[in-house]
Amino acid sequence: MQIDWWTLGLQTVNFLIVIWLLSRFLYRPIRRIIQEREAADKAASDAAKDQLEEAQAVRRTYEDKTAQLAAERQEREADFHKSLEAERDKRLEAARKEAAQLLTDARAKIEEDKHQALQSLKQQIEALATDLARVALRGPCTVPETLAQVQAHLDGLAQGDLDTLKVDLQAKDAAMTVVMAHGLSDEEKAAWNACLSKYFGADVAVVFTEKAEILGGAELHFPHAVLRFSVADRLKRAAQSLEV
């Protein structure tokens, strides 16, 4: 086999030229691009790592803050519940004291009302006993005392009520009936007429009648009203007071 050294040399030169051209125009740009991409990837990886570490730090900070806020909230809730319980206990104690005071006041008021009622009832019983004794003895002061009661009652009437009684007596054939437990003398009738004319006019018609059931005192019967000053009525009211 014969080797053509010129051909071999030319082919070698051509191969080296191709290698140089490939290295110059292909391999170097590719290596540069690869290096640039590797550098960019490394930079991106480092940036991502830094961002990840920063995110983890932010997360840890957030978790710490969240835990701190939760602890503070629990502490505030505990303090709030304690304050609520303290306020509730305070109000319950105040309500208990107020209820106890109200109960004490109510008992005192009941005792006072009871005492006053008993005193009033005692006075009524004493007055009734006196009236009954006078009725039994027919004492001479029965009519004047009854007139005094009638005058006191009429003096205490409101003007409107007194005018109503006057109008009631102005009807045709209207008359006032004075009911007594026993008959009256002419002098006693005159005293009654003088007393009644003072309030209802001198021309008021007065009729006197007897009714033993009233026991004592008197009743004034108008056409549409009755004023009672009798012992029987006072006994009835005293009995009603005892029932209450």
Foldseek 3Di string as FASTA:
>chain_A
DDDDVVVVVVVVVVVVVVVVCCVVPPVVVVVVVVVVVVVVVVVVVVVVVVVVVVVVVVVVVVVVVVVVVVVVVVVVVVVVVVVVVVVVVVVVVVVVVVVVVVVVVVVVVVVVVVVVLVVVLVVLVVVLVVLLVCLVVVDPCQLVVLLVVVLVVVVPDDPVVLVVLLVLQPDPPWAKEKEFQDDDDPVSVVVVLVSVCVRRNNPGHYHYYYDNVLSGRIWIDGPPDIDDDGSNVSVVVSVVSVVD
